[in-house]
Structures are given as structure tokens and as C-alpha cells.
Amino acid sequence: MDWEFMKQVNDHQIEKEINHEMDRQAKIKKRELEHTEREELIDGLIFATIVLLLVIAGGFINAI
């Protein structure tokens, strides 16, 4: 058997596995970033809701 050919096949297989692992890690990182962005958006919406409720409550107190 041609050892140079076997080495090329082995190198190609290793390269495929490395690329697959890098793609997998990139997908995991992307999911983590999307999750973080979603949490920040929810936190912002909660803060805005609390501020809005305080403004409404202040209006009712002034009206009384």
C-alpha cells in the first residue's frame, strides 16, 4: 500500500474532524450569545415596565 496516500487520507480525515469540532463550537457560542442578548432584552423590558408603573402611580398620587 502507498504510505504517502494513506498519510494524505489520514490528514484529510483529521482536518474534517477539526473543522467539524470548530463548527460545533461556533454554534454553541452563537447560542450562548443569543441567550445573553435575550436575557438583556427581557431585563430592559422589565425595567421599562417598572418605570412606566412608577410614572402612572405618580400621576395618580398627584391627582388625589
PDB file of N, CA and C in Angstrom:
ATOM      1  N   MET A   1       0.845  -1.183   0.000  1.00  0.00           N
ATOM      2  CA  MET A   1       0.000   0.000   0.000  1.00  0.00           C
ATOM      3  C   MET A   1       0.892   1.248   0.000  1.00  0.00           C
ATOM      4  N   ASP A   2       0.440   2.276  -0.632  1.00  0.00           N
ATOM      5  CA  ASP A   2       1.187   3.525  -0.742  1.00  0.00           C
ATOM      6  C   ASP A   2       1.042   4.324   0.560  1.00  0.00           C
ATOM      7  N   TRP A   3       2.142   4.452   1.299  1.00  0.00           N
ATOM      8  CA  TRP A   3       2.100   5.111   2.600  1.00  0.00           C
ATOM      9  C   TRP A   3       1.823   6.603   2.483  1.00  0.00           C
ATOM     10  N   GLU A   4       2.294   7.219   1.399  1.00  0.00           N
ATOM     11  CA  GLU A   4       2.034   8.647   1.201  1.00  0.00           C
ATOM     12  C   GLU A   4       0.528   8.893   1.015  1.00  0.00           C
ATOM     13  N   PHE A   5      -0.107   8.000   0.261  1.00  0.00           N
ATOM     14  CA  PHE A   5      -1.554   8.101   0.055  1.00  0.00           C
ATOM     15  C   PHE A   5      -2.297   7.925   1.376  1.00  0.00           C
ATOM     16  N   MET A   6      -1.869   6.933   2.172  1.00  0.00           N
ATOM     17  CA  MET A   6      -2.509   6.696   3.466  1.00  0.00           C
ATOM     18  C   MET A   6      -2.345   7.901   4.385  1.00  0.00           C
ATOM     19  N   LYS A   7      -1.187   8.531   4.355  1.00  0.00           N
ATOM     20  CA  LYS A   7      -0.948   9.724   5.166  1.00  0.00           C
ATOM     21  C   LYS A   7      -1.865  10.860   4.735  1.00  0.00           C
ATOM     22  N   GLN A   8      -2.050  11.041   3.426  1.00  0.00           N
ATOM     23  CA  GLN A   8      -2.937  12.098   2.923  1.00  0.00           C
ATOM     24  C   GLN A   8      -4.378  11.846   3.345  1.00  0.00           C
ATOM     25  N   VAL A   9      -4.802  10.574   3.259  1.00  0.00           N
ATOM     26  CA  VAL A   9      -6.167  10.221   3.681  1.00  0.00           C
ATOM     27  C   VAL A   9      -6.337  10.513   5.168  1.00  0.00           C
ATOM     28  N   ASN A  10      -5.359  10.132   5.966  1.00  0.00           N
ATOM     29  CA  ASN A  10      -5.408  10.366   7.415  1.00  0.00           C
ATOM     30  C   ASN A  10      -5.429  11.868   7.712  1.00  0.00           C
ATOM     31  N   ASP A  11      -4.579  12.633   7.044  1.00  0.00           N
ATOM     32  CA  ASP A  11      -4.547  14.088   7.242  1.00  0.00           C
ATOM     33  C   ASP A  11      -5.882  14.714   6.869  1.00  0.00           C
ATOM     34  N   HIS A  12      -6.482  14.225   5.783  1.00  0.00           N
ATOM     35  CA  HIS A  12      -7.782  14.757   5.351  1.00  0.00           C
ATOM     36  C   HIS A  12      -8.860  14.461   6.396  1.00  0.00           C
ATOM     37  N   GLN A  13      -8.824  13.247   6.949  1.00  0.00           N
ATOM     38  CA  GLN A  13      -9.809  12.871   7.970  1.00  0.00           C
ATOM     39  C   GLN A  13      -9.638  13.731   9.225  1.00  0.00           C
ATOM     40  N   ILE A  14      -8.406  13.962   9.626  1.00  0.00           N
ATOM     41  CA  ILE A  14      -8.141  14.807  10.799  1.00  0.00           C
ATOM     42  C   ILE A  14      -8.640  16.230  10.546  1.00  0.00           C
ATOM     43  N   GLU A  15      -8.387  16.730   9.347  1.00  0.00           N
ATOM     44  CA  GLU A  15      -8.838  18.085   9.005  1.00  0.00           C
ATOM     45  C   GLU A  15     -10.367  18.173   9.044  1.00  0.00           C
ATOM     46  N   LYS A  16     -11.056  17.149   8.548  1.00  0.00           N
ATOM     47  CA  LYS A  16     -12.522  17.128   8.590  1.00  0.00           C
ATOM     48  C   LYS A  16     -13.022  17.140  10.031  1.00  0.00           C
ATOM     49  N   GLU A  17     -12.381  16.361  10.890  1.00  0.00           N
ATOM     50  CA  GLU A  17     -12.799  16.305  12.293  1.00  0.00           C
ATOM     51  C   GLU A  17     -12.559  17.636  13.000  1.00  0.00           C
ATOM     52  N   ILE A  18     -11.440  18.281  12.695  1.00  0.00           N
ATOM     53  CA  ILE A  18     -11.152  19.591  13.291  1.00  0.00           C
ATOM     54  C   ILE A  18     -12.183  20.612  12.835  1.00  0.00           C
ATOM     55  N   ASN A  19     -12.499  20.623  11.542  1.00  0.00           N
ATOM     56  CA  ASN A  19     -13.498  21.566  11.019  1.00  0.00           C
ATOM     57  C   ASN A  19     -14.867  21.320  11.647  1.00  0.00           C
ATOM     58  N   HIS A  20     -15.213  20.045  11.810  1.00  0.00           N
ATOM     59  CA  HIS A  20     -16.496  19.704  12.430  1.00  0.00           C
ATOM     60  C   HIS A  20     -16.556  20.219  13.868  1.00  0.00           C
ATOM     61  N   GLU A  21     -15.475  20.020  14.608  1.00  0.00           N
ATOM     62  CA  GLU A  21     -15.428  20.477  16.002  1.00  0.00           C
ATOM     63  C   GLU A  21     -15.480  22.003  16.079  1.00  0.00           C
ATOM     64  N   MET A  22     -14.791  22.681  15.169  1.00  0.00           N
ATOM     65  CA  MET A  22     -14.816  24.152  15.158  1.00  0.00           C
ATOM     66  C   MET A  22     -16.226  24.658  14.849  1.00  0.00           C
ATOM     67  N   ASP A  23     -16.909  24.012  13.898  1.00  0.00           N
ATOM     68  CA  ASP A  23     -18.287  24.391  13.585  1.00  0.00           C
ATOM     69  C   ASP A  23     -19.193  24.186  14.786  1.00  0.00           C
ATOM     70  N   ARG A  24     -18.998  23.070  15.474  1.00  0.00           N
ATOM     71  CA  ARG A  24     -19.818  22.771  16.649  1.00  0.00           C
ATOM     72  C   ARG A  24     -19.598  23.818  17.740  1.00  0.00           C
ATOM     73  N   GLN A  25     -18.332  24.171  17.985  1.00  0.00           N
ATOM     74  CA  GLN A  25     -18.029  25.188  18.990  1.00  0.00           C
ATOM     75  C   GLN A  25     -18.610  26.542  18.605  1.00  0.00           C
ATOM     76  N   ALA A  26     -18.563  26.889  17.313  1.00  0.00           N
ATOM     77  CA  ALA A  26     -19.117  28.166  16.842  1.00  0.00           C
ATOM     78  C   ALA A  26     -20.629  28.208  17.060  1.00  0.00           C
ATOM     79  N   LYS A  27     -21.309  27.095  16.803  1.00  0.00           N
ATOM     80  CA  LYS A  27     -22.757  27.048  17.017  1.00  0.00           C
ATOM     81  C   LYS A  27     -23.100  27.209  18.492  1.00  0.00           C
ATOM     82  N   ILE A  28     -22.312  26.558  19.352  1.00  0.00           N
ATOM     83  CA  ILE A  28     -22.547  26.677  20.804  1.00  0.00           C
ATOM     84  C   ILE A  28     -22.355  28.131  21.244  1.00  0.00           C
ATOM     85  N   LYS A  29     -21.279  28.762  20.786  1.00  0.00           N
ATOM     86  CA  LYS A  29     -21.003  30.155  21.142  1.00  0.00           C
ATOM     87  C   LYS A  29     -22.126  31.070  20.649  1.00  0.00           C
ATOM     88  N   LYS A  30     -22.608  30.823  19.428  1.00  0.00           N
ATOM     89  CA  LYS A  30     -23.690  31.641  18.873  1.00  0.00           C
ATOM     90  C   LYS A  30     -24.950  31.507  19.730  1.00  0.00           C
ATOM     91  N   ARG A  31     -25.269  30.266  20.144  1.00  0.00           N
ATOM     92  CA  ARG A  31     -26.439  30.062  21.004  1.00  0.00           C
ATOM     93  C   ARG A  31     -26.291  30.786  22.329  1.00  0.00           C
ATOM     94  N   GLU A  32     -25.077  30.746  22.907  1.00  0.00           N
ATOM     95  CA  GLU A  32     -24.838  31.430  24.177  1.00  0.00           C
ATOM     96  C   GLU A  32     -25.027  32.937  24.031  1.00  0.00           C
ATOM     97  N   LEU A  33     -24.523  33.504  22.925  1.00  0.00           N
ATOM     98  CA  LEU A  33     -24.667  34.942  22.696  1.00  0.00           C
ATOM     99  C   LEU A  33     -26.131  35.321  22.505  1.00  0.00           C
ATOM    100  N   GLU A  34     -26.876  34.508  21.735  1.00  0.00           N
ATOM    101  CA  GLU A  34     -28.297  34.794  21.533  1.00  0.00           C
ATOM    102  C   GLU A  34     -29.043  34.741  22.859  1.00  0.00           C
ATOM    103  N   HIS A  35     -28.682  33.765  23.699  1.00  0.00           N
ATOM    104  CA  HIS A  35     -29.339  33.639  25.003  1.00  0.00           C
ATOM    105  C   HIS A  35     -29.043  34.863  25.867  1.00  0.00           C
ATOM    106  N   THR A  36     -27.799  35.333  25.853  1.00  0.00           N
ATOM    107  CA  THR A  36     -27.412  36.516  26.630  1.00  0.00           C
ATOM    108  C   THR A  36     -28.165  37.745  26.130  1.00  0.00           C
ATOM    109  N   GLU A  37     -28.247  37.917  24.813  1.00  0.00           N
ATOM    110  CA  GLU A  37     -28.973  39.058  24.251  1.00  0.00           C
ATOM    111  C   GLU A  37     -30.439  39.005  24.653  1.00  0.00           C
ATOM    112  N   ARG A  38     -31.027  37.827  24.653  1.00  0.00           N
ATOM    113  CA  ARG A  38     -32.432  37.665  25.026  1.00  0.00           C
ATOM    114  C   ARG A  38     -32.633  38.053  26.492  1.00  0.00           C
ATOM    115  N   GLU A  39     -31.707  37.623  27.351  1.00  0.00           N
ATOM    116  CA  GLU A  39     -31.811  37.975  28.770  1.00  0.00           C
ATOM    117  C   GLU A  39     -31.702  39.483  28.966  1.00  0.00           C
ATOM    118  N   GLU A  40     -30.790  40.125  28.243  1.00  0.00           N
ATOM    119  CA  GLU A  40     -30.635  41.574  28.363  1.00  0.00           C
ATOM    120  C   GLU A  40     -31.900  42.292  27.892  1.00  0.00           C
ATOM    121  N   LEU A  41     -32.515  41.803  26.833  1.00  0.00           N
ATOM    122  CA  LEU A  41     -33.749  42.402  26.332  1.00  0.00           C
ATOM    123  C   LEU A  41     -34.868  42.266  27.359  1.00  0.00           C
ATOM    124  N   ILE A  42     -34.980  41.096  27.956  1.00  0.00           N
ATOM    125  CA  ILE A  42     -36.014  40.876  28.970  1.00  0.00           C
ATOM    126  C   ILE A  42     -35.773  41.781  30.177  1.00  0.00           C
ATOM    127  N   ASP A  43     -34.512  41.894  30.601  1.00  0.00           N
ATOM    128  CA  ASP A  43     -34.189  42.787  31.724  1.00  0.00           C
ATOM    129  C   ASP A  43     -34.570  44.227  31.400  1.00  0.00           C
ATOM    130  N   GLY A  44     -34.301  44.667  30.182  1.00  0.00           N
ATOM    131  CA  GLY A  44     -34.657  46.022  29.754  1.00  0.00           C
ATOM    132  C   GLY A  44     -36.160  46.238  29.755  1.00  0.00           C
ATOM    133  N   LEU A  45     -36.893  45.247  29.286  1.00  0.00           N
ATOM    134  CA  LEU A  45     -38.355  45.364  29.265  1.00  0.00           C
ATOM    135  C   LEU A  45     -38.926  45.408  30.681  1.00  0.00           C
ATOM    136  N   ILE A  46     -38.372  44.615  31.580  1.00  0.00           N
ATOM    137  CA  ILE A  46     -38.829  44.642  32.978  1.00  0.00           C
ATOM    138  C   ILE A  46     -38.559  46.015  33.594  1.00  0.00           C
ATOM    139  N   PHE A  47     -37.363  46.563  33.350  1.00  0.00           N
ATOM    140  CA  PHE A  47     -37.019  47.881  33.877  1.00  0.00           C
ATOM    141  C   PHE A  47     -37.970  48.945  33.326  1.00  0.00           C
ATOM    142  N   ALA A  48     -38.229  48.905  32.010  1.00  0.00           N
ATOM    143  CA  ALA A  48     -39.119  49.894  31.397  1.00  0.00           C
ATOM    144  C   ALA A  48     -40.535  49.774  31.964  1.00  0.00           C
ATOM    145  N   THR A  49     -40.987  48.561  32.213  1.00  0.00           N
ATOM    146  CA  THR A  49     -42.320  48.354  32.785  1.00  0.00           C
ATOM    147  C   THR A  49     -42.400  48.928  34.195  1.00  0.00           C
ATOM    148  N   ILE A  50     -41.378  48.704  34.993  1.00  0.00           N
ATOM    149  CA  ILE A  50     -41.361  49.238  36.362  1.00  0.00           C
ATOM    150  C   ILE A  50     -41.374  50.766  36.339  1.00  0.00           C
ATOM    151  N   VAL A  51     -40.569  51.371  35.464  1.00  0.00           N
ATOM    152  CA  VAL A  51     -40.547  52.836  35.353  1.00  0.00           C
ATOM    153  C   VAL A  51     -41.916  53.353  34.943  1.00  0.00           C
ATOM    154  N   LEU A  52     -42.531  52.689  33.955  1.00  0.00           N
ATOM    155  CA  LEU A  52     -43.859  53.110  33.494  1.00  0.00           C
ATOM    156  C   LEU A  52     -44.879  53.024  34.629  1.00  0.00           C
ATOM    157  N   LEU A  53     -44.843  51.942  35.400  1.00  0.00           N
ATOM    158  CA  LEU A  53     -45.771  51.802  36.527  1.00  0.00           C
ATOM    159  C   LEU A  53     -45.528  52.881  37.584  1.00  0.00           C
ATOM    160  N   LEU A  54     -44.270  53.241  37.830  1.00  0.00           N
ATOM    161  CA  LEU A  54     -43.972  54.312  38.783  1.00  0.00           C
ATOM    162  C   LEU A  54     -44.493  55.653  38.279  1.00  0.00           C
ATOM    163  N   VAL A  55     -44.374  55.909  36.990  1.00  0.00           N
ATOM    164  CA  VAL A  55     -44.883  57.164  36.419  1.00  0.00           C
ATOM    165  C   VAL A  55     -46.405  57.215  36.539  1.00  0.00           C
ATOM    166  N   ILE A  56     -47.067  56.107  36.254  1.00  0.00           N
ATOM    167  CA  ILE A  56     -48.538  56.062  36.376  1.00  0.00           C
ATOM    168  C   ILE A  56     -48.949  56.257  37.833  1.00  0.00           C
ATOM    169  N   ALA A  57     -48.238  55.579  38.748  1.00  0.00           N
ATOM    170  CA  ALA A  57     -48.561  55.722  40.171  1.00  0.00           C
ATOM    171  C   ALA A  57     -48.343  57.163  40.623  1.00  0.00           C
ATOM    172  N   GLY A  58     -47.272  57.796  40.157  1.00  0.00           N
ATOM    173  CA  GLY A  58     -47.037  59.194  40.498  1.00  0.00           C
ATOM    174  C   GLY A  58     -48.137  60.105  39.995  1.00  0.00           C
ATOM    175  N   GLY A  59     -48.652  59.819  38.800  1.00  0.00           N
ATOM    176  CA  GLY A  59     -49.775  60.593  38.264  1.00  0.00           C
ATOM    177  C   GLY A  59     -51.032  60.456  39.103  1.00  0.00           C
ATOM    178  N   PHE A  60     -51.302  59.243  39.582  1.00  0.00           N
ATOM    179  CA  PHE A  60     -52.478  59.040  40.429  1.00  0.00           C
ATOM    180  C   PHE A  60     -52.310  59.739  41.762  1.00  0.00           C
ATOM    181  N   ILE A  61     -51.094  59.702  42.315  1.00  0.00           N
ATOM    182  CA  ILE A  61     -50.873  60.360  43.610  1.00  0.00           C
ATOM    183  C   ILE A  61     -51.057  61.868  43.463  1.00  0.00           C
ATOM    184  N   ASN A  62     -50.560  62.440  42.364  1.00  0.00           N
ATOM    185  CA  ASN A  62     -50.720  63.892  42.150  1.00  0.00           C
ATOM    186  C   ASN A  62     -52.186  64.256  41.910  1.00  0.00           C
ATOM    187  N   ALA A  63     -52.953  63.341  41.328  1.00  0.00           N
ATOM    188  CA  ALA A  63     -54.353  63.623  41.019  1.00  0.00           C
ATOM    189  C   ALA A  63     -55.206  63.634  42.283  1.00  0.00           C
ATOM    190  N   ILE A  64     -54.738  62.962  43.308  1.00  0.00           N
ATOM    191  CA  ILE A  64     -55.550  62.852  44.539  1.00  0.00           C
ATOM    192  C   ILE A  64     -55.462  64.095  45.392  1.00  0.00           C
TER     193      ILE A  64
END
